[in-house]
Amino acid sequence: MKILFRALALPLSFHFLSLAHAIPSPEAAHGGSSQATNTTDDAMTITPRQSSCLSTGTQSTINALFSSGGANTIVSLCPGVTIPITAPIVFTAPGQELSTQGYPTDSTRATILIQPGSTVTSAIRGNWQNNVKVLNIQVDGNRPNAGYLGGDALLEMGGGTEGQTVSHTVVKNTRSWSCVHFIGSGQEDNPCRQATVTFNEVGPCGHEGTDPATGNGLWADGLSIECMDTTVTDNIITGATDGGIVIFGSPGSHILRNTITSSSSSGLQFGGINMVDPTWSGNYSGVVVSSNTITGGPGSFINLGIGMGSQVWSNPHPETNFGQVTVTNNVFTGNVGFSIVMNGWLGGLTVTGNSVSGVTTPSSSFASASGCGAVQQAAFADSEQLVYYPAGVTGSSGPNVIQSQFTALSTNASNWLCLTNPAPPLPDTESFLPNTLSVDASTSRVVSLRDFHVQVQGDGNVVGIDTTGGVWTVKWASSRFSSACGQDGSQCLLAFGIDGNFVMYDGNGPLWASGTDGSGQLLTFSREAPWVTVTGSNGQTLWTIGNM
């Protein structure tokens, strides 16, 4: 018997063939030849499909191919092409694949690009189809041009499926909350399972801060994984701003050899690898997180390298996460606020061999804990990287094995996602143009300089105070006092007027003045003598506080 499989012919204007039921060889999937060979025996001869690739089109072109081709259809994009989309590409049957012809791993991978003006946030949807694949392409949400938009992730995979794969793919600039999301099914008898997420380049994903129009956070995850028994390995995630890899329960999943780095262009990153959410009812049984590298890059930092438990994130939840979990041989380097924090876990933990020797110290050199609780502030001040609360990490389903470098807290503390960017260094001088300074004694502060403070007191006296080392020393004073400042001091007003005159007023009128009306162009406060000056149009000094 001879069985001949032929490709379906399409209109010539498309310049490609649909590869229904064609599956690449293992060599092709790793960048080798995509040309199958004939197989001949006494029973059958299989003639491979000869195919070209898609060189133009939109999501409608690709969706039509998937819809007409059915199960195992491969849509092969030509290397170097960009496919503009205004709606998602949707897998419609099991085993379908979207890839670049020849499976390149460089910049010649075809690009799926969301267009400005569209309302789409998801470029590709796995649509609850088993064994679908996204291989060797680039997916760009185009946030810099299309803008931020709340909605689903850039790649929405998962659901009640098994065997979905995203590999050797660039995913960046999501418009919404995550670059890649493998969603759960919510069905105990049909969970998302056995997904493969490997060798991808992910990021940037999101930005630091909030949307001024809506107040929504602009940050986004790199990989958001809710599927059980899933393999997440050898991915490079750069510039995620929420979690680099967020594990939503995902029992039995292995998170191995991934590289997660924060980026100065994206800003503060909250977490490297998160195990903090109550998805799967908090069940993390069998999860392995090993041999990952988490780096806080220059000009940015990662608040929490690996967070474990229901009490460590900014929104502690009452349920306790549980399950025997292995977290071993992970490496933390650069600007990481806290490398591993554990609190709110039930079940045997093995947390060993994790290295923090490459983390920047002191932590205060790249972050501030001013918004943290007392326990977190103390740990931060001591640059403690490995922290857990023993009463919050119990081992009812097995013993805990925790490396000796961990600091055991005596006091419970939740929300370790509290670090912020350090305040910018204060200047040595501060200057004002005419009509830009007006401070009364009820406000008091005039300027804050590096280790120096200028204020108006309640009696109208203006003083310059050296604050080095927390010791306040008066360096100069106007020594002009008034009893007409009012009960709250608001009647004593220090102003650099529109006419260039620097004047202290009280309730009765001018108390003193620089006498530079008509000629003063710039008022400057300094932490060094001559302390306060008014200069003219040519920069010449017209008055100093020493002239008082």
Protein backbone atom coordinates (compact mmCIF):
# COMPACT_ATOMS: atom_id res chain seq x y z
CA MET A 1 0.00 0.00 0.00
CA LYS A 2 1.26 3.47 -0.86
CA ILE A 3 -0.03 6.52 1.06
CA LEU A 4 0.82 9.95 -0.37
CA PHE A 5 0.46 13.09 1.76
CA ARG A 6 0.25 16.24 -0.33
CA ALA A 7 0.19 19.88 0.73
CA LEU A 8 -3.00 21.81 0.11
CA ALA A 9 -2.54 24.36 -2.65
CA LEU A 10 -3.42 27.96 -1.73
CA PRO A 11 -3.89 31.04 -3.88
CA LEU A 12 -0.58 32.05 -5.40
CA SER A 13 -0.82 35.52 -3.91
CA PHE A 14 -0.09 34.02 -0.48
CA HIS A 15 3.32 32.63 -1.59
CA PHE A 16 3.23 29.75 0.89
CA LEU A 17 1.67 26.38 1.63
CA SER A 18 -0.18 25.28 4.76
CA LEU A 19 1.54 22.32 6.37
CA ALA A 20 -1.41 20.42 7.78
CA HIS A 21 -0.28 17.42 9.83
CA ALA A 22 3.43 18.11 9.21
CA ILE A 23 5.61 17.92 12.32
CA PRO A 24 9.27 19.02 12.33
CA SER A 25 11.97 16.53 13.13
CA PRO A 26 13.84 16.89 16.45
CA GLU A 27 16.79 18.25 14.49
CA ALA A 28 14.60 20.92 12.90
CA ALA A 29 13.19 22.00 16.24
CA HIS A 30 16.72 22.77 17.40
CA GLY A 31 17.77 24.73 14.36
CA GLY A 32 18.62 21.89 12.00
CA SER A 33 17.13 21.05 8.63
CA SER A 34 13.34 21.16 8.36
CA GLN A 35 13.36 18.89 5.30
CA ALA A 36 12.00 15.44 6.15
CA THR A 37 13.27 12.32 4.37
CA ASN A 38 11.27 9.64 2.61
CA THR A 39 10.47 6.55 4.64
CA THR A 40 9.95 3.36 2.62
CA ASP A 41 9.06 -0.15 3.72
CA ASP A 42 6.88 -2.91 2.40
CA ALA A 43 3.79 -1.21 3.77
CA MET A 44 3.97 2.44 2.80
CA THR A 45 5.85 5.35 1.31
CA ILE A 46 5.50 8.77 2.91
CA THR A 47 6.32 11.68 0.63
CA PRO A 48 7.15 14.85 2.63
CA ARG A 49 5.41 18.13 2.00
CA GLN A 50 7.42 20.70 0.14
CA SER A 51 6.71 24.12 1.66
CA SER A 52 7.52 27.75 1.31
CA CYS A 53 6.87 30.29 4.05
CA LEU A 54 4.53 33.15 4.80
CA SER A 55 6.19 36.39 3.74
CA THR A 56 3.28 38.78 4.26
CA GLY A 57 -0.09 38.97 5.96
CA THR A 58 -1.77 39.77 9.25
CA GLN A 59 -3.36 37.81 12.07
CA SER A 60 -6.27 37.12 9.75
CA THR A 61 -3.98 35.32 7.30
CA ILE A 62 -2.51 33.11 10.01
CA ASN A 63 -5.86 32.45 11.69
CA ALA A 64 -7.37 31.39 8.36
CA LEU A 65 -4.57 28.86 7.91
CA PHE A 66 -5.06 27.41 11.37
CA SER A 67 -8.82 27.29 10.92
CA SER A 68 -8.70 25.56 7.56
CA GLY A 69 -5.74 23.31 8.31
CA GLY A 70 -7.01 21.74 11.50
CA ALA A 71 -4.94 19.66 13.88
CA ASN A 72 -1.13 19.69 13.54
CA THR A 73 -1.09 22.58 11.07
CA ILE A 74 2.25 24.37 11.00
CA VAL A 75 2.31 28.00 9.91
CA SER A 76 5.89 28.77 8.96
CA LEU A 77 6.87 32.45 8.73
CA CYS A 78 9.68 33.59 6.49
CA PRO A 79 12.87 34.68 8.27
CA GLY A 80 13.12 38.42 8.80
CA VAL A 81 9.46 39.24 8.12
CA THR A 82 7.23 41.31 10.40
CA ILE A 83 3.56 40.40 10.69
CA PRO A 84 1.52 43.40 11.93
CA ILE A 85 -1.50 42.44 14.04
CA THR A 86 -4.53 44.24 15.48
CA ALA A 87 -6.14 41.13 17.02
CA PRO A 88 -4.76 37.89 18.48
CA ILE A 89 -3.41 34.93 16.56
CA VAL A 90 -5.47 32.00 17.86
CA PHE A 91 -4.65 28.29 17.84
CA THR A 92 -7.82 26.39 16.89
CA ALA A 93 -6.84 22.71 17.05
CA PRO A 94 -4.37 20.45 18.85
CA GLY A 95 -0.78 20.21 17.69
CA GLN A 96 -0.71 23.45 15.73
CA GLU A 97 2.56 25.37 15.50
CA LEU A 98 3.65 28.92 14.73
CA SER A 99 7.34 29.19 13.91
CA THR A 100 10.00 30.71 11.66
CA GLN A 101 11.15 28.63 8.72
CA GLY A 102 14.40 26.86 9.51
CA TYR A 103 14.02 27.53 13.26
CA PRO A 104 16.67 30.27 13.54
CA THR A 105 17.75 31.49 16.96
CA ASP A 106 19.04 34.93 15.99
CA SER A 107 17.51 38.25 14.88
CA THR A 108 16.21 36.69 11.66
CA ARG A 109 13.35 35.14 13.60
CA ALA A 110 10.05 36.46 12.24
CA THR A 111 8.31 39.13 14.32
CA ILE A 112 4.68 39.40 15.40
CA LEU A 113 4.11 43.10 16.14
CA ILE A 114 1.05 44.69 17.79
CA GLN A 115 0.05 47.86 15.98
CA PRO A 116 -0.51 51.29 17.61
CA GLY A 117 -4.16 52.27 17.78
CA SER A 118 -5.33 48.70 18.40
CA THR A 119 -6.96 47.51 21.62
CA VAL A 120 -5.29 44.10 21.62
CA THR A 121 -2.98 43.04 24.46
CA SER A 122 -2.55 39.34 23.56
CA ALA A 123 -0.64 38.63 20.38
CA ILE A 124 -1.02 34.83 20.59
CA ARG A 125 -3.64 32.75 22.38
CA GLY A 126 -3.15 29.02 23.06
CA ASN A 127 -6.94 28.74 23.36
CA TRP A 128 -7.02 25.55 25.46
CA GLN A 129 -5.48 23.42 22.69
CA ASN A 130 -3.20 20.47 23.51
CA ASN A 131 0.38 20.31 22.25
CA VAL A 132 0.41 23.63 20.40
CA LYS A 133 3.82 25.25 19.89
CA VAL A 134 5.27 28.74 19.58
CA LEU A 135 8.80 28.25 18.31
CA ASN A 136 11.65 30.49 17.18
CA ILE A 137 9.75 33.73 16.56
CA GLN A 138 9.72 37.21 18.10
CA VAL A 139 6.59 38.63 19.73
CA ASP A 140 6.58 42.37 20.40
CA GLY A 141 3.72 44.00 22.29
CA ASN A 142 5.07 47.38 21.20
CA ARG A 143 4.28 49.12 24.50
CA PRO A 144 6.55 52.13 23.72
CA ASN A 145 4.41 52.94 20.66
CA ALA A 146 1.07 51.17 21.25
CA GLY A 147 0.96 52.20 24.91
CA TYR A 148 0.03 50.56 28.20
CA LEU A 149 -3.34 48.80 28.26
CA GLY A 150 -4.91 46.59 30.90
CA GLY A 151 -5.82 43.13 29.68
CA ASP A 152 -4.46 39.64 29.09
CA ALA A 153 -0.78 38.78 28.75
CA LEU A 154 1.16 39.13 25.51
CA LEU A 155 1.30 35.33 25.15
CA GLU A 156 -1.77 33.68 26.70
CA MET A 157 -1.24 29.93 26.84
CA GLY A 158 -2.51 27.09 29.02
CA GLY A 159 -6.02 26.35 30.20
CA GLY A 160 -7.27 22.74 30.33
CA THR A 161 -4.40 21.47 28.20
CA GLU A 162 -1.27 19.37 28.14
CA GLY A 163 2.01 19.59 26.30
CA GLN A 164 2.03 23.21 25.12
CA THR A 165 5.47 24.60 24.24
CA VAL A 166 7.03 28.05 23.96
CA SER A 167 10.69 27.78 23.02
CA HIS A 168 13.50 29.82 21.44
CA THR A 169 11.15 32.80 21.26
CA VAL A 170 11.70 36.48 22.04
CA VAL A 171 8.80 37.99 24.00
CA LYS A 172 8.94 41.67 24.94
CA ASN A 173 7.12 44.93 25.56
CA THR A 174 3.83 43.52 26.80
CA ARG A 175 1.11 46.15 26.98
CA SER A 176 -0.40 44.52 30.07
CA TRP A 177 0.56 42.63 33.24
CA SER A 178 2.73 39.78 31.90
CA CYS A 179 4.84 38.85 28.89
CA VAL A 180 4.03 35.11 29.01
CA HIS A 181 1.12 33.60 30.95
CA PHE A 182 0.34 29.90 31.22
CA ILE A 183 -3.08 30.08 32.86
CA GLY A 184 -4.63 27.29 34.91
CA SER A 185 -7.94 25.68 34.02
CA GLY A 186 -9.78 25.88 37.33
CA GLN A 187 -10.73 22.22 36.71
CA GLU A 188 -9.31 19.56 39.01
CA ASP A 189 -9.94 16.79 36.45
CA ASN A 190 -8.42 18.74 33.54
CA PRO A 191 -5.59 20.96 34.81
CA CYS A 192 -3.04 22.75 32.70
CA ARG A 193 -0.12 20.34 32.71
CA GLN A 194 3.23 19.39 31.24
CA ALA A 195 3.98 22.66 29.49
CA THR A 196 7.51 23.43 28.29
CA VAL A 197 8.99 26.94 28.44
CA THR A 198 12.62 26.82 27.41
CA PHE A 199 15.42 28.87 25.83
CA ASN A 200 13.31 32.02 25.48
CA GLU A 201 14.48 35.62 25.71
CA VAL A 202 11.91 37.57 27.68
CA GLY A 203 11.76 41.29 28.38
CA PRO A 204 11.57 44.12 28.86
CA CYS A 205 8.21 43.58 30.53
CA GLY A 206 6.51 46.62 32.04
CA HIS A 207 7.81 49.75 33.72
CA GLU A 208 8.20 51.03 37.22
CA GLY A 209 5.39 53.21 38.55
CA THR A 210 1.68 53.69 37.91
CA ASP A 211 -0.45 54.94 35.05
CA PRO A 212 -1.39 58.57 35.90
CA ALA A 213 -4.72 58.22 34.10
CA THR A 214 -5.95 55.08 35.87
CA GLY A 215 -3.66 54.58 38.84
CA ASN A 216 -2.96 51.02 37.65
CA GLY A 217 0.54 49.66 38.02
CA LEU A 218 2.70 49.72 34.90
CA TRP A 219 4.83 46.79 36.04
CA ALA A 220 4.61 43.30 34.50
CA ASP A 221 5.84 39.73 34.99
CA GLY A 222 8.27 37.99 32.71
CA LEU A 223 6.86 34.44 32.98
CA SER A 224 3.64 33.70 34.90
CA ILE A 225 3.24 29.92 35.32
CA GLU A 226 0.16 28.16 36.73
CA CYS A 227 0.47 24.76 35.01
CA MET A 228 1.49 21.65 36.96
CA ASP A 229 4.43 19.39 36.04
CA THR A 230 5.82 22.12 33.84
CA THR A 231 9.42 22.65 32.74
CA VAL A 232 10.75 26.22 32.80
CA THR A 233 14.43 26.12 31.95
CA ASP A 234 17.26 28.09 30.39
CA ASN A 235 15.26 31.27 29.80
CA ILE A 236 16.86 34.73 29.88
CA ILE A 237 14.55 37.30 31.47
CA THR A 238 15.71 40.91 31.45
CA GLY A 239 13.79 43.94 32.64
CA ALA A 240 10.68 42.35 34.12
CA THR A 241 9.31 44.78 36.69
CA ASP A 242 6.92 42.66 38.77
CA GLY A 243 8.16 39.07 39.02
CA GLY A 244 10.79 37.59 36.73
CA ILE A 245 9.18 34.15 37.08
CA VAL A 246 5.96 33.91 39.08
CA ILE A 247 5.02 30.37 40.11
CA PHE A 248 1.29 30.20 40.80
CA GLY A 249 1.35 26.92 42.72
CA SER A 250 2.20 24.72 39.71
CA PRO A 251 2.80 21.47 41.65
CA GLY A 252 5.58 19.31 40.26
CA SER A 253 7.10 22.04 38.12
CA HIS A 254 10.84 22.52 37.67
CA ILE A 255 12.33 26.01 37.37
CA LEU A 256 15.94 25.48 36.37
CA ARG A 257 18.94 27.40 34.99
CA ASN A 258 17.07 30.61 34.23
CA THR A 259 18.82 33.98 34.25
CA ILE A 260 16.86 36.92 35.64
CA THR A 261 18.30 40.45 35.54
CA SER A 262 16.77 43.80 36.40
CA SER A 263 17.28 46.69 34.00
CA SER A 264 17.86 50.40 34.58
CA SER A 265 15.65 51.17 31.57
CA SER A 266 12.69 49.44 33.21
CA GLY A 267 13.43 50.44 36.81
CA LEU A 268 12.83 48.70 40.11
CA GLN A 269 11.93 44.99 39.84
CA PHE A 270 9.81 43.59 42.66
CA GLY A 271 10.77 39.91 42.58
CA GLY A 272 13.09 37.44 40.88
CA ILE A 273 11.20 34.17 41.43
CA ASN A 274 7.93 34.31 43.38
CA MET A 275 6.23 31.50 45.31
CA VAL A 276 3.83 33.68 47.21
CA ASP A 277 0.37 33.34 45.63
CA PRO A 278 -2.45 31.11 46.94
CA THR A 279 -3.29 29.65 43.51
CA TRP A 280 -3.81 25.85 43.55
CA SER A 281 -5.01 26.50 47.13
CA GLY A 282 -1.39 27.28 47.97
CA ASN A 283 -0.14 23.85 46.82
CA TYR A 284 3.49 23.94 45.62
CA SER A 285 4.25 20.25 46.22
CA GLY A 286 7.21 18.97 44.25
CA VAL A 287 8.30 22.34 42.88
CA VAL A 288 12.06 22.54 42.28
CA VAL A 289 13.81 25.92 41.89
CA SER A 290 17.46 25.28 41.23
CA SER A 291 20.57 26.70 39.55
CA ASN A 292 18.95 30.00 38.59
CA THR A 293 20.93 33.25 38.52
CA ILE A 294 19.21 36.38 39.83
CA THR A 295 21.01 39.69 39.32
CA GLY A 296 20.09 43.21 40.29
CA GLY A 297 21.54 45.20 37.42
CA PRO A 298 23.33 48.55 37.66
CA GLY A 299 21.03 51.53 38.02
CA SER A 300 18.21 49.28 39.28
CA PHE A 301 17.60 46.60 41.89
CA ILE A 302 15.49 43.55 42.68
CA ASN A 303 13.61 43.93 45.95
CA LEU A 304 13.19 40.20 46.69
CA GLY A 305 15.22 37.50 44.93
CA ILE A 306 13.07 34.49 45.86
CA GLY A 307 9.98 35.00 47.97
CA MET A 308 8.50 31.91 49.62
CA GLY A 309 5.26 31.84 51.55
CA SER A 310 1.99 33.63 52.08
CA GLN A 311 3.46 36.36 54.30
CA VAL A 312 6.34 37.82 52.35
CA TRP A 313 4.69 39.76 49.49
CA SER A 314 2.96 43.12 49.74
CA ASN A 315 -0.47 41.50 50.04
CA PRO A 316 -0.14 38.79 52.73
CA HIS A 317 -3.00 36.28 52.55
CA PRO A 318 -4.46 34.17 55.37
CA GLU A 319 -3.90 30.80 53.70
CA THR A 320 -0.54 29.12 54.25
CA ASN A 321 1.32 27.88 51.18
CA PHE A 322 2.34 24.24 51.48
CA GLY A 323 4.25 21.37 49.93
CA GLN A 324 7.70 19.86 49.90
CA VAL A 325 9.76 22.26 47.79
CA THR A 326 13.43 22.27 46.83
CA VAL A 327 15.27 25.59 46.39
CA THR A 328 18.95 24.88 45.82
CA ASN A 329 22.11 26.23 44.25
CA ASN A 330 20.63 29.52 43.09
CA VAL A 331 23.08 32.41 42.69
CA PHE A 332 22.29 36.00 43.63
CA THR A 333 24.47 38.86 42.46
CA GLY A 334 24.40 42.65 42.20
CA ASN A 335 21.69 44.86 43.64
CA VAL A 336 19.33 42.47 45.43
CA GLY A 337 17.59 43.79 48.55
CA PHE A 338 16.73 40.44 50.15
CA SER A 339 17.81 37.26 48.37
CA ILE A 340 15.48 34.71 49.98
CA VAL A 341 12.72 35.38 52.51
CA MET A 342 10.48 32.60 53.89
CA ASN A 343 7.35 33.07 55.99
CA GLY A 344 3.94 31.42 55.72
CA TRP A 345 4.82 27.87 54.59
CA LEU A 346 3.63 24.45 55.73
CA GLY A 347 5.63 21.46 54.53
CA GLY A 348 9.16 20.23 54.30
CA LEU A 349 11.47 22.74 52.67
CA THR A 350 14.94 22.00 51.35
CA VAL A 351 16.71 25.31 50.90
CA THR A 352 20.44 24.76 50.55
CA GLY A 353 23.51 25.76 48.57
CA ASN A 354 22.22 29.19 47.57
CA SER A 355 24.98 31.77 47.09
CA VAL A 356 24.74 35.44 48.05
CA SER A 357 28.44 36.28 48.02
CA GLY A 358 28.05 38.40 44.89
CA VAL A 359 25.31 40.65 46.25
CA THR A 360 26.16 44.36 46.57
CA THR A 361 26.78 45.58 50.11
CA PRO A 362 25.72 47.64 51.90
CA SER A 363 22.16 47.34 50.66
CA SER A 364 21.65 51.02 51.41
CA SER A 365 23.97 51.84 48.49
CA PHE A 366 21.20 51.02 46.00
CA ALA A 367 17.89 51.00 47.90
CA SER A 368 16.01 52.52 50.83
CA ALA A 369 14.05 50.72 53.55
CA SER A 370 12.44 53.88 54.90
CA GLY A 371 8.97 52.55 54.05
CA CYS A 372 9.52 49.14 55.67
CA GLY A 373 8.57 47.84 59.10
CA ALA A 374 11.03 47.76 61.95
CA VAL A 375 12.05 44.12 61.43
CA GLN A 376 12.67 44.61 57.73
CA GLN A 377 14.58 47.83 58.37
CA ALA A 378 16.87 46.06 60.84
CA ALA A 379 17.56 43.20 58.41
CA PHE A 380 18.19 45.68 55.62
CA ALA A 381 20.57 47.75 57.76
CA ASP A 382 22.60 44.61 58.43
CA SER A 383 22.48 43.60 54.74
CA GLU A 384 20.93 40.26 55.71
CA GLN A 385 20.15 38.35 52.53
CA LEU A 386 18.73 35.02 53.74
CA VAL A 387 15.89 35.46 56.21
CA TYR A 388 13.08 33.31 57.61
CA TYR A 389 10.63 33.31 60.47
CA PRO A 390 10.85 29.84 62.10
CA ALA A 391 7.31 29.90 63.47
CA GLY A 392 6.09 30.73 59.97
CA VAL A 393 7.92 27.84 58.29
CA THR A 394 6.63 24.59 59.74
CA GLY A 395 7.32 21.09 58.49
CA SER A 396 4.25 18.95 59.04
CA SER A 397 4.73 17.06 55.76
CA GLY A 398 8.46 16.69 56.15
CA PRO A 399 11.46 18.21 57.88
CA ASN A 400 12.88 21.56 56.87
CA VAL A 401 16.49 21.57 55.71
CA ILE A 402 17.69 25.17 55.65
CA GLN A 403 21.24 26.31 55.01
CA SER A 404 23.05 27.71 58.03
CA GLN A 405 23.53 31.23 56.60
CA PHE A 406 19.85 32.04 57.14
CA THR A 407 18.95 34.57 59.81
CA ALA A 408 16.11 33.31 62.01
CA LEU A 409 13.77 36.14 62.98
CA SER A 410 12.47 36.27 66.52
CA THR A 411 9.60 38.55 65.53
CA ASN A 412 7.03 37.91 62.83
CA ALA A 413 7.18 40.30 59.88
CA SER A 414 5.15 40.23 56.68
CA ASN A 415 5.46 42.30 53.50
CA TRP A 416 9.11 42.28 52.53
CA LEU A 417 8.26 44.01 49.27
CA CYS A 418 8.88 47.38 50.85
CA LEU A 419 12.14 48.72 49.44
CA THR A 420 12.20 51.84 47.29
CA ASN A 421 14.72 53.71 45.24
CA PRO A 422 17.02 55.75 47.47
CA ALA A 423 16.33 59.44 47.63
CA PRO A 424 18.59 61.36 45.23
CA PRO A 425 21.54 63.02 46.94
CA LEU A 426 20.85 66.53 48.14
CA PRO A 427 22.64 69.33 46.29
CA ASP A 428 25.36 71.58 47.69
CA THR A 429 23.54 74.67 46.42
CA GLU A 430 20.02 75.63 45.38
CA SER A 431 19.10 78.72 43.35
CA PHE A 432 15.90 80.66 42.64
CA LEU A 433 14.86 83.08 39.93
CA PRO A 434 12.84 86.19 40.88
CA ASN A 435 9.30 85.40 42.03
CA THR A 436 10.01 81.68 42.61
CA LEU A 437 10.63 81.62 46.38
CA SER A 438 8.03 82.37 49.03
CA VAL A 439 8.20 80.62 52.43
CA ASP A 440 6.51 81.63 55.67
CA ALA A 441 7.44 80.61 59.22
CA SER A 442 4.56 78.15 59.47
CA THR A 443 6.21 76.14 56.65
CA SER A 444 9.68 76.80 58.08
CA ARG A 445 11.88 74.92 55.59
CA VAL A 446 13.48 77.11 52.95
CA VAL A 447 15.96 74.62 51.42
CA SER A 448 17.55 71.29 52.31
CA LEU A 449 21.11 70.87 51.08
CA ARG A 450 23.63 68.13 51.69
CA ASP A 451 24.12 68.09 55.46
CA PHE A 452 22.67 71.59 55.60
CA HIS A 453 19.25 73.09 56.29
CA VAL A 454 17.86 76.63 56.00
CA GLN A 455 14.67 77.54 57.84
CA VAL A 456 12.49 80.45 58.94
CA GLN A 457 11.81 80.31 62.67
CA GLY A 458 8.57 81.37 64.32
CA ASP A 459 10.11 84.69 65.42
CA GLY A 460 11.18 85.65 61.88
CA ASN A 461 14.82 84.72 62.36
CA VAL A 462 16.31 82.95 59.29
CA VAL A 463 19.02 80.43 60.15
CA GLY A 464 21.44 78.13 58.31
CA ILE A 465 22.11 74.86 60.16
CA ASP A 466 24.83 72.28 59.55
CA THR A 467 23.29 68.80 60.14
CA THR A 468 26.40 66.65 59.58
CA GLY A 469 26.24 63.45 61.60
CA GLY A 470 22.82 64.33 62.96
CA VAL A 471 24.24 67.14 65.07
CA TRP A 472 22.61 70.51 64.36
CA THR A 473 25.00 73.47 64.44
CA VAL A 474 23.89 77.00 63.50
CA LYS A 475 26.34 78.43 60.96
CA TRP A 476 24.62 81.74 60.28
CA ALA A 477 21.48 83.69 61.18
CA SER A 478 19.75 86.85 60.03
CA SER A 479 19.37 87.83 63.73
CA ARG A 480 16.35 90.00 62.94
CA PHE A 481 13.41 89.10 65.12
CA SER A 482 9.73 89.99 65.08
CA SER A 483 6.79 89.67 67.43
CA ALA A 484 4.40 90.19 64.50
CA CYS A 485 4.69 86.74 62.88
CA GLY A 486 1.24 85.65 64.04
CA GLN A 487 0.33 82.75 66.26
CA ASP A 488 1.20 80.16 63.59
CA GLY A 489 4.09 82.11 62.03
CA SER A 490 2.29 82.69 58.75
CA GLN A 491 2.71 86.49 58.95
CA CYS A 492 6.50 86.23 58.62
CA LEU A 493 7.23 85.63 54.94
CA LEU A 494 10.59 85.23 53.21
CA ALA A 495 10.39 86.00 49.47
CA PHE A 496 12.55 86.67 46.45
CA GLY A 497 10.29 89.13 44.67
CA ILE A 498 9.60 89.67 41.01
CA ASP A 499 11.73 92.80 41.23
CA GLY A 500 14.80 90.82 42.38
CA ASN A 501 14.64 92.01 45.99
CA PHE A 502 15.13 89.39 48.75
CA VAL A 503 12.84 90.43 51.61
CA MET A 504 11.63 89.20 55.01
CA TYR A 505 8.15 90.51 55.80
CA ASP A 506 6.28 90.40 59.09
CA GLY A 507 2.76 91.50 59.92
CA ASN A 508 3.83 95.15 59.81
CA GLY A 509 5.69 95.13 56.48
CA PRO A 510 9.36 94.55 55.44
CA LEU A 511 11.55 93.45 58.36
CA TRP A 512 14.73 93.47 56.28
CA ALA A 513 15.71 93.39 52.57
CA SER A 514 18.72 92.83 50.33
CA GLY A 515 18.12 96.14 48.55
CA THR A 516 18.59 94.47 45.15
CA ASP A 517 15.25 95.47 43.68
CA GLY A 518 15.66 96.13 39.96
CA SER A 519 19.00 94.32 39.71
CA GLY A 520 18.78 90.94 41.50
CA GLN A 521 18.60 88.07 39.01
CA LEU A 522 19.42 84.97 41.04
CA LEU A 523 19.19 84.00 44.72
CA THR A 524 21.50 81.15 45.80
CA PHE A 525 21.73 79.19 49.07
CA SER A 526 24.93 77.25 49.74
CA ARG A 527 26.18 74.86 52.39
CA GLU A 528 29.41 76.89 52.52
CA ALA A 529 30.23 80.57 52.95
CA PRO A 530 29.09 83.03 51.76
CA TRP A 531 25.90 80.95 52.44
CA VAL A 532 23.32 83.22 50.75
CA THR A 533 23.93 85.48 47.74
CA VAL A 534 21.97 87.62 45.31
CA THR A 535 23.69 88.02 41.95
CA GLY A 536 23.09 90.33 38.99
CA SER A 537 22.73 89.78 35.26
CA ASN A 538 26.47 89.28 34.75
CA GLY A 539 26.82 86.93 37.72
CA GLN A 540 28.31 89.63 39.92
CA THR A 541 27.56 89.38 43.62
CA LEU A 542 25.20 92.15 44.72
CA TRP A 543 24.48 90.99 48.28
CA THR A 544 25.32 88.24 50.79
CA ILE A 545 23.84 87.32 54.13
CA GLY A 546 27.04 88.73 55.64
CA ASN A 547 25.84 92.19 54.58
CA MET A 548 23.06 92.06 57.16
